[in-house]
All heavy atoms as atom14 arrays in JSON, in Angstrom:
{
  "sequence": "THQHGDHVEQLDSVLDSLDAEVLAYDDHPRRNRAIEDGDIVTIGDE",
  "atom14_mask": [
    [1, 1, 1, 1, 1, 1, 1, 0, 0, 0, 0, 0, 0, 0],
    [1, 1, 1, 1, 1, 1, 1, 1, 1, 1, 0, 0, 0, 0],
    [1, 1, 1, 1, 1, 1, 1, 1, 1, 0, 0, 0, 0, 0],
    [1, 1, 1, 1, 1, 1, 1, 1, 1, 1, 0, 0, 0, 0],
    [1, 1, 1, 1, 0, 0, 0, 0, 0, 0, 0, 0, 0, 0],
    [1, 1, 1, 1, 1, 1, 1, 1, 0, 0, 0, 0, 0, 0],
    [1, 1, 1, 1, 1, 1, 1, 1, 1, 1, 0, 0, 0, 0],
    [1, 1, 1, 1, 1, 1, 1, 0, 0, 0, 0, 0, 0, 0],
    [1, 1, 1, 1, 1, 1, 1, 1, 1, 0, 0, 0, 0, 0],
    [1, 1, 1, 1, 1, 1, 1, 1, 1, 0, 0, 0, 0, 0],
    [1, 1, 1, 1, 1, 1, 1, 1, 0, 0, 0, 0, 0, 0],
    [1, 1, 1, 1, 1, 1, 1, 1, 0, 0, 0, 0, 0, 0],
    [1, 1, 1, 1, 1, 1, 0, 0, 0, 0, 0, 0, 0, 0],
    [1, 1, 1, 1, 1, 1, 1, 0, 0, 0, 0, 0, 0, 0],
    [1, 1, 1, 1, 1, 1, 1, 1, 0, 0, 0, 0, 0, 0],
    [1, 1, 1, 1, 1, 1, 1, 1, 0, 0, 0, 0, 0, 0],
    [1, 1, 1, 1, 1, 1, 0, 0, 0, 0, 0, 0, 0, 0],
    [1, 1, 1, 1, 1, 1, 1, 1, 0, 0, 0, 0, 0, 0],
    [1, 1, 1, 1, 1, 1, 1, 1, 0, 0, 0, 0, 0, 0],
    [1, 1, 1, 1, 1, 0, 0, 0, 0, 0, 0, 0, 0, 0],
    [1, 1, 1, 1, 1, 1, 1, 1, 1, 0, 0, 0, 0, 0],
    [1, 1, 1, 1, 1, 1, 1, 0, 0, 0, 0, 0, 0, 0],
    [1, 1, 1, 1, 1, 1, 1, 1, 0, 0, 0, 0, 0, 0],
    [1, 1, 1, 1, 1, 0, 0, 0, 0, 0, 0, 0, 0, 0],
    [1, 1, 1, 1, 1, 1, 1, 1, 1, 1, 1, 1, 0, 0],
    [1, 1, 1, 1, 1, 1, 1, 1, 0, 0, 0, 0, 0, 0],
    [1, 1, 1, 1, 1, 1, 1, 1, 0, 0, 0, 0, 0, 0],
    [1, 1, 1, 1, 1, 1, 1, 1, 1, 1, 0, 0, 0, 0],
    [1, 1, 1, 1, 1, 1, 1, 0, 0, 0, 0, 0, 0, 0],
    [1, 1, 1, 1, 1, 1, 1, 1, 1, 1, 1, 0, 0, 0],
    [1, 1, 1, 1, 1, 1, 1, 1, 1, 1, 1, 0, 0, 0],
    [1, 1, 1, 1, 1, 1, 1, 1, 0, 0, 0, 0, 0, 0],
    [1, 1, 1, 1, 1, 1, 1, 1, 1, 1, 1, 0, 0, 0],
    [1, 1, 1, 1, 1, 0, 0, 0, 0, 0, 0, 0, 0, 0],
    [1, 1, 1, 1, 1, 1, 1, 1, 0, 0, 0, 0, 0, 0],
    [1, 1, 1, 1, 1, 1, 1, 1, 1, 0, 0, 0, 0, 0],
    [1, 1, 1, 1, 1, 1, 1, 1, 0, 0, 0, 0, 0, 0],
    [1, 1, 1, 1, 0, 0, 0, 0, 0, 0, 0, 0, 0, 0],
    [1, 1, 1, 1, 1, 1, 1, 1, 0, 0, 0, 0, 0, 0],
    [1, 1, 1, 1, 1, 1, 1, 1, 0, 0, 0, 0, 0, 0],
    [1, 1, 1, 1, 1, 1, 1, 0, 0, 0, 0, 0, 0, 0],
    [1, 1, 1, 1, 1, 1, 1, 0, 0, 0, 0, 0, 0, 0],
    [1, 1, 1, 1, 1, 1, 1, 1, 0, 0, 0, 0, 0, 0],
    [1, 1, 1, 1, 0, 0, 0, 0, 0, 0, 0, 0, 0, 0],
    [1, 1, 1, 1, 1, 1, 1, 1, 0, 0, 0, 0, 0, 0],
    [1, 1, 1, 1, 1, 1, 1, 1, 1, 0, 0, 0, 0, 0]
  ],
  "atom14_positions": [
    [[0.06, 1.03, 6.16], [-0.68, 1.31, 7.39], [-0.89, 2.81, 7.53], [-1.93, 3.24, 8.04], [0.09, 0.78, 8.59], [1.34, 1.45, 8.71], [0.24, -0.71, 8.51], [0.0, 0.0, 0.0], [0.0, 0.0, 0.0], [0.0, 0.0, 0.0], [0.0, 0.0, 0.0], [0.0, 0.0, 0.0], [0.0, 0.0, 0.0], [0.0, 0.0, 0.0]],
    [[0.05, 3.63, 7.08], [-0.06, 5.07, 7.0], [1.15, 5.53, 6.23], [2.0, 4.78, 5.86], [-0.18, 5.74, 8.37], [0.95, 5.55, 9.28], [1.37, 4.26, 9.76], [1.86, 6.42, 9.86], [2.4, 4.41, 10.56], [2.72, 5.69, 10.62], [0.0, 0.0, 0.0], [0.0, 0.0, 0.0], [0.0, 0.0, 0.0], [0.0, 0.0, 0.0]],
    [[1.22, 6.84, 5.96], [2.2, 7.34, 5.0], [3.23, 8.22, 5.61], [3.76, 9.14, 4.95], [1.52, 7.98, 3.82], [0.62, 7.03, 3.02], [0.07, 7.61, 1.75], [0.77, 8.31, 1.0], [-1.17, 7.3, 1.48], [0.0, 0.0, 0.0], [0.0, 0.0, 0.0], [0.0, 0.0, 0.0], [0.0, 0.0, 0.0], [0.0, 0.0, 0.0]],
    [[3.62, 8.01, 6.87], [4.77, 8.7, 7.44], [6.01, 8.16, 6.73], [6.08, 7.02, 6.23], [4.9, 8.38, 8.96], [3.91, 9.16, 9.79], [3.74, 8.98, 11.11], [3.05, 10.18, 9.41], [2.82, 9.77, 11.58], [2.4, 10.55, 10.6], [0.0, 0.0, 0.0], [0.0, 0.0, 0.0], [0.0, 0.0, 0.0], [0.0, 0.0, 0.0]],
    [[7.02, 9.0, 6.61], [8.21, 8.69, 5.83], [8.9, 7.42, 6.18], [9.42, 6.72, 5.25], [0.0, 0.0, 0.0], [0.0, 0.0, 0.0], [0.0, 0.0, 0.0], [0.0, 0.0, 0.0], [0.0, 0.0, 0.0], [0.0, 0.0, 0.0], [0.0, 0.0, 0.0], [0.0, 0.0, 0.0], [0.0, 0.0, 0.0], [0.0, 0.0, 0.0]],
    [[8.95, 7.06, 7.47], [9.66, 5.84, 7.82], [8.89, 4.58, 7.4], [9.44, 3.47, 7.47], [9.93, 5.77, 9.34], [8.7, 5.94, 10.17], [7.84, 6.78, 9.84], [8.57, 5.25, 11.22], [0.0, 0.0, 0.0], [0.0, 0.0, 0.0], [0.0, 0.0, 0.0], [0.0, 0.0, 0.0], [0.0, 0.0, 0.0], [0.0, 0.0, 0.0]],
    [[7.68, 4.76, 6.91], [6.86, 3.63, 6.44], [6.79, 3.52, 4.91], [6.47, 2.49, 4.38], [5.43, 3.73, 7.04], [5.4, 3.48, 8.48], [4.95, 2.31, 9.04], [5.79, 4.25, 9.55], [5.01, 2.38, 10.39], [5.52, 3.57, 10.67], [0.0, 0.0, 0.0], [0.0, 0.0, 0.0], [0.0, 0.0, 0.0], [0.0, 0.0, 0.0]],
    [[7.09, 4.66, 4.25], [6.89, 4.64, 2.76], [8.11, 5.11, 1.96], [8.04, 5.15, 0.74], [5.69, 5.52, 2.36], [4.41, 5.02, 3.01], [5.92, 7.0, 2.72], [0.0, 0.0, 0.0], [0.0, 0.0, 0.0], [0.0, 0.0, 0.0], [0.0, 0.0, 0.0], [0.0, 0.0, 0.0], [0.0, 0.0, 0.0], [0.0, 0.0, 0.0]],
    [[9.22, 5.44, 2.61], [10.34, 6.02, 1.89], [10.82, 5.12, 0.74], [11.17, 5.62, -0.31], [11.48, 6.29, 2.83], [12.69, 6.99, 2.21], [13.75, 7.31, 3.21], [13.43, 7.93, 4.26], [14.89, 6.97, 2.94], [0.0, 0.0, 0.0], [0.0, 0.0, 0.0], [0.0, 0.0, 0.0], [0.0, 0.0, 0.0], [0.0, 0.0, 0.0]],
    [[10.84, 3.79, 0.95], [11.35, 2.88, -0.11], [10.21, 2.28, -0.94], [10.46, 1.32, -1.64], [12.11, 1.79, 0.59], [13.41, 2.24, 1.27], [14.39, 2.85, 0.26], [14.51, 2.34, -0.89], [15.0, 3.93, 0.63], [0.0, 0.0, 0.0], [0.0, 0.0, 0.0], [0.0, 0.0, 0.0], [0.0, 0.0, 0.0], [0.0, 0.0, 0.0]],
    [[9.01, 2.87, -0.88], [7.94, 2.3, -1.66], [8.21, 2.22, -3.17], [7.98, 1.22, -3.8], [6.63, 3.08, -1.42], [5.4, 2.57, -2.12], [5.06, 1.16, -1.74], [4.2, 3.52, -1.84], [0.0, 0.0, 0.0], [0.0, 0.0, 0.0], [0.0, 0.0, 0.0], [0.0, 0.0, 0.0], [0.0, 0.0, 0.0], [0.0, 0.0, 0.0]],
    [[8.76, 3.32, -3.71], [9.05, 3.36, -5.14], [10.07, 2.27, -5.46], [9.94, 1.59, -6.51], [9.56, 4.7, -5.57], [8.47, 5.72, -5.7], [7.3, 5.33, -5.87], [8.76, 6.94, -5.64], [0.0, 0.0, 0.0], [0.0, 0.0, 0.0], [0.0, 0.0, 0.0], [0.0, 0.0, 0.0], [0.0, 0.0, 0.0], [0.0, 0.0, 0.0]],
    [[11.09, 2.09, -4.66], [12.11, 1.08, -4.94], [11.49, -0.33, -4.94], [11.84, -1.15, -5.78], [13.23, 1.19, -3.88], [13.92, 2.4, -3.98], [0.0, 0.0, 0.0], [0.0, 0.0, 0.0], [0.0, 0.0, 0.0], [0.0, 0.0, 0.0], [0.0, 0.0, 0.0], [0.0, 0.0, 0.0], [0.0, 0.0, 0.0], [0.0, 0.0, 0.0]],
    [[10.62, -0.54, -3.99], [9.97, -1.88, -3.91], [9.1, -2.12, -5.15], [9.14, -3.17, -5.77], [9.12, -1.99, -2.66], [8.29, -3.27, -2.66], [10.05, -2.06, -1.39], [0.0, 0.0, 0.0], [0.0, 0.0, 0.0], [0.0, 0.0, 0.0], [0.0, 0.0, 0.0], [0.0, 0.0, 0.0], [0.0, 0.0, 0.0], [0.0, 0.0, 0.0]],
    [[8.33, -1.12, -5.53], [7.39, -1.25, -6.66], [8.16, -1.38, -7.96], [7.71, -2.07, -8.9], [6.42, -0.13, -6.71], [5.46, -0.03, -5.49], [4.58, 1.21, -5.61], [4.57, -1.29, -5.38], [0.0, 0.0, 0.0], [0.0, 0.0, 0.0], [0.0, 0.0, 0.0], [0.0, 0.0, 0.0], [0.0, 0.0, 0.0], [0.0, 0.0, 0.0]],
    [[9.27, -0.67, -8.09], [10.03, -0.72, -9.31], [10.7, -2.09, -9.49], [11.0, -2.51, -10.66], [11.1, 0.41, -9.37], [10.45, 1.77, -9.49], [9.29, 1.86, -9.88], [11.18, 2.75, -9.23], [0.0, 0.0, 0.0], [0.0, 0.0, 0.0], [0.0, 0.0, 0.0], [0.0, 0.0, 0.0], [0.0, 0.0, 0.0], [0.0, 0.0, 0.0]],
    [[10.97, -2.75, -8.38], [11.63, -4.06, -8.4], [10.61, -5.23, -8.47], [10.89, -6.23, -9.1], [12.52, -4.24, -7.18], [13.09, -5.51, -7.12], [0.0, 0.0, 0.0], [0.0, 0.0, 0.0], [0.0, 0.0, 0.0], [0.0, 0.0, 0.0], [0.0, 0.0, 0.0], [0.0, 0.0, 0.0], [0.0, 0.0, 0.0], [0.0, 0.0, 0.0]],
    [[9.51, -5.04, -7.76], [8.49, -6.1, -7.66], [7.14, -5.5, -8.01], [6.65, -4.62, -7.37], [8.46, -6.65, -6.23], [9.73, -7.34, -5.8], [10.09, -6.96, -4.37], [9.5, -8.84, -5.85], [0.0, 0.0, 0.0], [0.0, 0.0, 0.0], [0.0, 0.0, 0.0], [0.0, 0.0, 0.0], [0.0, 0.0, 0.0], [0.0, 0.0, 0.0]],
    [[6.57, -5.94, -9.1], [5.33, -5.38, -9.62], [4.19, -5.77, -8.72], [3.7, -6.94, -8.79], [5.12, -5.88, -11.03], [3.9, -5.2, -11.67], [3.48, -4.12, -11.18], [3.33, -5.76, -12.61], [0.0, 0.0, 0.0], [0.0, 0.0, 0.0], [0.0, 0.0, 0.0], [0.0, 0.0, 0.0], [0.0, 0.0, 0.0], [0.0, 0.0, 0.0]],
    [[3.73, -4.88, -7.86], [2.67, -5.16, -6.91], [1.7, -4.01, -6.87], [2.06, -2.86, -7.13], [3.24, -5.42, -5.52], [0.0, 0.0, 0.0], [0.0, 0.0, 0.0], [0.0, 0.0, 0.0], [0.0, 0.0, 0.0], [0.0, 0.0, 0.0], [0.0, 0.0, 0.0], [0.0, 0.0, 0.0], [0.0, 0.0, 0.0], [0.0, 0.0, 0.0]],
    [[0.45, -4.29, -6.51], [-0.53, -3.2, -6.32], [-0.38, -2.6, -4.95], [0.14, -3.27, -4.04], [-1.96, -3.73, -6.57], [-2.48, -4.71, -5.5], [-3.95, -4.99, -5.74], [-4.6, -4.25, -6.53], [-4.45, -5.85, -5.01], [0.0, 0.0, 0.0], [0.0, 0.0, 0.0], [0.0, 0.0, 0.0], [0.0, 0.0, 0.0], [0.0, 0.0, 0.0]],
    [[-0.78, -1.36, -4.79], [-0.65, -0.64, -3.57], [-2.04, -0.37, -3.01], [-2.91, 0.13, -3.74], [0.1, 0.67, -3.76], [0.12, 1.47, -2.46], [1.53, 0.42, -4.22], [0.0, 0.0, 0.0], [0.0, 0.0, 0.0], [0.0, 0.0, 0.0], [0.0, 0.0, 0.0], [0.0, 0.0, 0.0], [0.0, 0.0, 0.0], [0.0, 0.0, 0.0]],
    [[-2.24, -0.71, -1.75], [-3.49, -0.49, -1.04], [-3.23, 0.47, 0.07], [-2.28, 0.28, 0.86], [-4.07, -1.8, -0.49], [-4.7, -2.82, -1.45], [-3.69, -3.39, -2.39], [-5.38, -3.9, -0.69], [0.0, 0.0, 0.0], [0.0, 0.0, 0.0], [0.0, 0.0, 0.0], [0.0, 0.0, 0.0], [0.0, 0.0, 0.0], [0.0, 0.0, 0.0]],
    [[-4.03, 1.51, 0.18], [-3.81, 2.52, 1.21], [-5.13, 3.24, 1.5], [-6.02, 3.29, 0.65], [-2.74, 3.52, 0.76], [0.0, 0.0, 0.0], [0.0, 0.0, 0.0], [0.0, 0.0, 0.0], [0.0, 0.0, 0.0], [0.0, 0.0, 0.0], [0.0, 0.0, 0.0], [0.0, 0.0, 0.0], [0.0, 0.0, 0.0], [0.0, 0.0, 0.0]],
    [[-5.19, 3.85, 2.71], [-6.37, 4.64, 3.06], [-6.39, 5.98, 2.35], [-7.39, 6.3, 1.74], [-6.31, 4.83, 4.61], [-7.54, 5.55, 5.16], [-8.67, 4.8, 5.56], [-7.54, 6.92, 5.37], [-9.79, 5.45, 6.11], [-8.67, 7.57, 5.87], [-9.77, 6.82, 6.25], [-10.93, 7.45, 6.79], [0.0, 0.0, 0.0], [0.0, 0.0, 0.0]],
    [[-5.29, 6.7, 2.42], [-5.21, 8.01, 1.75], [-4.7, 7.85, 0.32], [-4.08, 6.85, -0.01], [-4.29, 8.98, 2.52], [-5.04, 9.78, 3.53], [-6.31, 9.66, 3.6], [-4.38, 10.59, 4.29], [0.0, 0.0, 0.0], [0.0, 0.0, 0.0], [0.0, 0.0, 0.0], [0.0, 0.0, 0.0], [0.0, 0.0, 0.0], [0.0, 0.0, 0.0]],
    [[-4.91, 8.88, -0.45], [-4.42, 8.85, -1.82], [-2.91, 8.85, -1.86], [-2.23, 9.35, -0.96], [-4.93, 10.1, -2.53], [-4.75, 10.03, -4.03], [-4.63, 8.91, -4.57], [-4.72, 11.07, -4.7], [0.0, 0.0, 0.0], [0.0, 0.0, 0.0], [0.0, 0.0, 0.0], [0.0, 0.0, 0.0], [0.0, 0.0, 0.0], [0.0, 0.0, 0.0]],
    [[-2.34, 8.23, -2.87], [-0.93, 8.15, -3.12], [-0.76, 7.99, -4.61], [-1.57, 7.32, -5.26], [-0.3, 6.98, -2.33], [1.2, 6.91, -2.46], [1.88, 6.4, -3.58], [2.16, 7.33, -1.58], [3.16, 6.51, -3.38], [3.37, 7.05, -2.21], [0.0, 0.0, 0.0], [0.0, 0.0, 0.0], [0.0, 0.0, 0.0], [0.0, 0.0, 0.0]],
    [[0.31, 8.6, -5.19], [0.45, 8.53, -6.67], [0.5, 7.1, -7.18], [0.15, 6.85, -8.34], [1.8, 9.21, -6.89], [1.99, 10.16, -5.77], [1.32, 9.51, -4.58], [0.0, 0.0, 0.0], [0.0, 0.0, 0.0], [0.0, 0.0, 0.0], [0.0, 0.0, 0.0], [0.0, 0.0, 0.0], [0.0, 0.0, 0.0], [0.0, 0.0, 0.0]],
    [[0.89, 6.14, -6.34], [0.96, 4.75, -6.82], [-0.07, 3.83, -6.21], [0.02, 2.6, -6.33], [2.37, 4.22, -6.6], [3.44, 5.11, -7.31], [4.82, 4.5, -7.35], [4.89, 3.4, -8.31], [6.02, 2.86, -8.71], [7.2, 3.4, -8.29], [6.06, 1.86, -9.56], [0.0, 0.0, 0.0], [0.0, 0.0, 0.0], [0.0, 0.0, 0.0]],
    [[-1.02, 4.45, -5.59], [-2.12, 3.61, -4.99], [-3.02, 3.05, -6.07], [-3.44, 3.77, -6.99], [-3.0, 4.45, -4.02], [-4.05, 3.64, -3.32], [-4.88, 4.49, -2.38], [-5.85, 5.3, -3.1], [-6.75, 6.08, -2.53], [-6.87, 6.09, -1.2], [-7.59, 6.82, -3.26], [0.0, 0.0, 0.0], [0.0, 0.0, 0.0], [0.0, 0.0, 0.0]],
    [[-3.3, 1.76, -6.0], [-4.22, 1.1, -6.94], [-5.62, 0.94, -6.37], [-6.59, 0.9, -7.07], [-3.7, -0.31, -7.33], [-2.3, -0.25, -7.94], [-1.32, -0.51, -7.28], [-2.25, 0.1, -9.22], [0.0, 0.0, 0.0], [0.0, 0.0, 0.0], [0.0, 0.0, 0.0], [0.0, 0.0, 0.0], [0.0, 0.0, 0.0], [0.0, 0.0, 0.0]],
    [[-5.67, 0.83, -5.07], [-6.98, 0.54, -4.41], [-7.06, 1.24, -3.04], [-6.09, 1.13, -2.24], [-7.21, -0.95, -4.28], [-8.55, -1.35, -3.65], [-8.99, -2.74, -4.12], [-8.03, -3.79, -3.88], [-8.13, -4.61, -2.81], [-9.09, -4.5, -1.95], [-7.21, -5.6, -2.66], [0.0, 0.0, 0.0], [0.0, 0.0, 0.0], [0.0, 0.0, 0.0]],
    [[-8.12, 1.87, -2.78], [-8.33, 2.48, -1.48], [-8.85, 1.45, -0.49], [-9.64, 0.61, -0.81], [-9.34, 3.63, -1.59], [0.0, 0.0, 0.0], [0.0, 0.0, 0.0], [0.0, 0.0, 0.0], [0.0, 0.0, 0.0], [0.0, 0.0, 0.0], [0.0, 0.0, 0.0], [0.0, 0.0, 0.0], [0.0, 0.0, 0.0], [0.0, 0.0, 0.0]],
    [[-8.37, 1.57, 0.74], [-8.88, 0.74, 1.84], [-9.69, 1.63, 2.76], [-9.16, 2.69, 3.2], [-7.76, 0.06, 2.64], [-6.78, -0.69, 1.72], [-8.36, -0.88, 3.67], [-5.63, -1.26, 2.49], [0.0, 0.0, 0.0], [0.0, 0.0, 0.0], [0.0, 0.0, 0.0], [0.0, 0.0, 0.0], [0.0, 0.0, 0.0], [0.0, 0.0, 0.0]],
    [[-10.87, 1.23, 3.09], [-11.68, 1.98, 4.07], [-11.92, 1.14, 5.32], [-11.7, -0.06, 5.32], [-13.05, 2.31, 3.42], [-12.9, 3.23, 2.17], [-14.27, 3.63, 1.62], [-15.26, 3.13, 2.09], [-14.26, 4.38, 0.65], [0.0, 0.0, 0.0], [0.0, 0.0, 0.0], [0.0, 0.0, 0.0], [0.0, 0.0, 0.0], [0.0, 0.0, 0.0]],
    [[-12.33, 1.8, 6.37], [-12.62, 1.14, 7.61], [-13.6, 0.01, 7.36], [-14.64, 0.25, 6.72], [-13.17, 2.1, 8.61], [-13.47, 1.5, 9.94], [-12.53, 1.22, 10.71], [-14.7, 1.26, 10.25], [0.0, 0.0, 0.0], [0.0, 0.0, 0.0], [0.0, 0.0, 0.0], [0.0, 0.0, 0.0], [0.0, 0.0, 0.0], [0.0, 0.0, 0.0]],
    [[-13.29, -1.16, 7.85], [-14.19, -2.31, 7.71], [-13.96, -3.17, 6.51], [-14.51, -4.26, 6.4], [0.0, 0.0, 0.0], [0.0, 0.0, 0.0], [0.0, 0.0, 0.0], [0.0, 0.0, 0.0], [0.0, 0.0, 0.0], [0.0, 0.0, 0.0], [0.0, 0.0, 0.0], [0.0, 0.0, 0.0], [0.0, 0.0, 0.0], [0.0, 0.0, 0.0]],
    [[-13.07, -2.7, 5.57], [-12.74, -3.52, 4.44], [-12.0, -4.82, 4.86], [-11.29, -4.79, 5.88], [-11.89, -2.76, 3.44], [-12.67, -1.75, 2.63], [-13.9, -1.74, 2.76], [-12.06, -1.0, 1.88], [0.0, 0.0, 0.0], [0.0, 0.0, 0.0], [0.0, 0.0, 0.0], [0.0, 0.0, 0.0], [0.0, 0.0, 0.0], [0.0, 0.0, 0.0]],
    [[-12.12, -5.85, 4.07], [-11.44, -7.12, 4.33], [-10.31, -7.25, 3.32], [-10.51, -7.1, 2.11], [-12.37, -8.33, 4.2], [-13.54, -8.16, 5.21], [-11.6, -9.63, 4.46], [-13.13, -8.06, 6.68], [0.0, 0.0, 0.0], [0.0, 0.0, 0.0], [0.0, 0.0, 0.0], [0.0, 0.0, 0.0], [0.0, 0.0, 0.0], [0.0, 0.0, 0.0]],
    [[-9.1, -7.52, 3.84], [-7.92, -7.65, 3.01], [-7.25, -9.0, 3.28], [-7.09, -9.36, 4.43], [-6.91, -6.53, 3.33], [-5.65, -6.61, 2.41], [-7.56, -5.14, 3.15], [0.0, 0.0, 0.0], [0.0, 0.0, 0.0], [0.0, 0.0, 0.0], [0.0, 0.0, 0.0], [0.0, 0.0, 0.0], [0.0, 0.0, 0.0], [0.0, 0.0, 0.0]],
    [[-6.93, -9.71, 2.21], [-6.23, -10.99, 2.36], [-4.72, -10.72, 2.51], [-4.12, -10.09, 1.65], [-6.48, -11.91, 1.14], [-7.87, -12.17, 1.01], [-5.73, -13.24, 1.33], [0.0, 0.0, 0.0], [0.0, 0.0, 0.0], [0.0, 0.0, 0.0], [0.0, 0.0, 0.0], [0.0, 0.0, 0.0], [0.0, 0.0, 0.0], [0.0, 0.0, 0.0]],
    [[-4.18, -11.17, 3.61], [-2.75, -11.01, 3.91], [-2.24, -12.41, 4.3], [-2.71, -13.02, 5.28], [-2.49, -10.03, 5.06], [-3.07, -8.66, 4.72], [-1.02, -9.96, 5.38], [-2.99, -7.62, 5.87], [0.0, 0.0, 0.0], [0.0, 0.0, 0.0], [0.0, 0.0, 0.0], [0.0, 0.0, 0.0], [0.0, 0.0, 0.0], [0.0, 0.0, 0.0]],
    [[-1.31, -12.91, 3.48], [-0.85, -14.3, 3.7], [-1.98, -15.3, 3.5], [-2.57, -15.32, 2.39], [0.0, 0.0, 0.0], [0.0, 0.0, 0.0], [0.0, 0.0, 0.0], [0.0, 0.0, 0.0], [0.0, 0.0, 0.0], [0.0, 0.0, 0.0], [0.0, 0.0, 0.0], [0.0, 0.0, 0.0], [0.0, 0.0, 0.0], [0.0, 0.0, 0.0]],
    [[-2.28, -16.03, 4.53], [-3.35, -17.05, 4.46], [-4.65, -16.63, 5.18], [-5.55, -17.42, 5.31], [-2.9, -18.38, 5.08], [-1.69, -18.97, 4.37], [-1.64, -18.85, 3.11], [-0.81, -19.52, 5.02], [0.0, 0.0, 0.0], [0.0, 0.0, 0.0], [0.0, 0.0, 0.0], [0.0, 0.0, 0.0], [0.0, 0.0, 0.0], [0.0, 0.0, 0.0]],
    [[-4.7, -15.38, 5.66], [-5.86, -15.02, 6.49], [-6.53, -13.77, 5.95], [-5.94, -12.99, 5.2], [-5.35, -14.76, 7.91], [-4.77, -16.02, 8.59], [-4.4, -15.78, 10.05], [-4.99, -14.9, 10.7], [-3.48, -16.5, 10.56], [0.0, 0.0, 0.0], [0.0, 0.0, 0.0], [0.0, 0.0, 0.0], [0.0, 0.0, 0.0], [0.0, 0.0, 0.0]]
  ]
}
């Protein structure tokens, strides 16, 4: 949702344990895909 420390501090630990792509608005060393305003993202069943 954003990259304040309380939201991303454990990102590396999660990615090292579970191989997942990273979606974010701003650049990040481990971002795979940028999300822009208006983009549609599948989360769960919706």
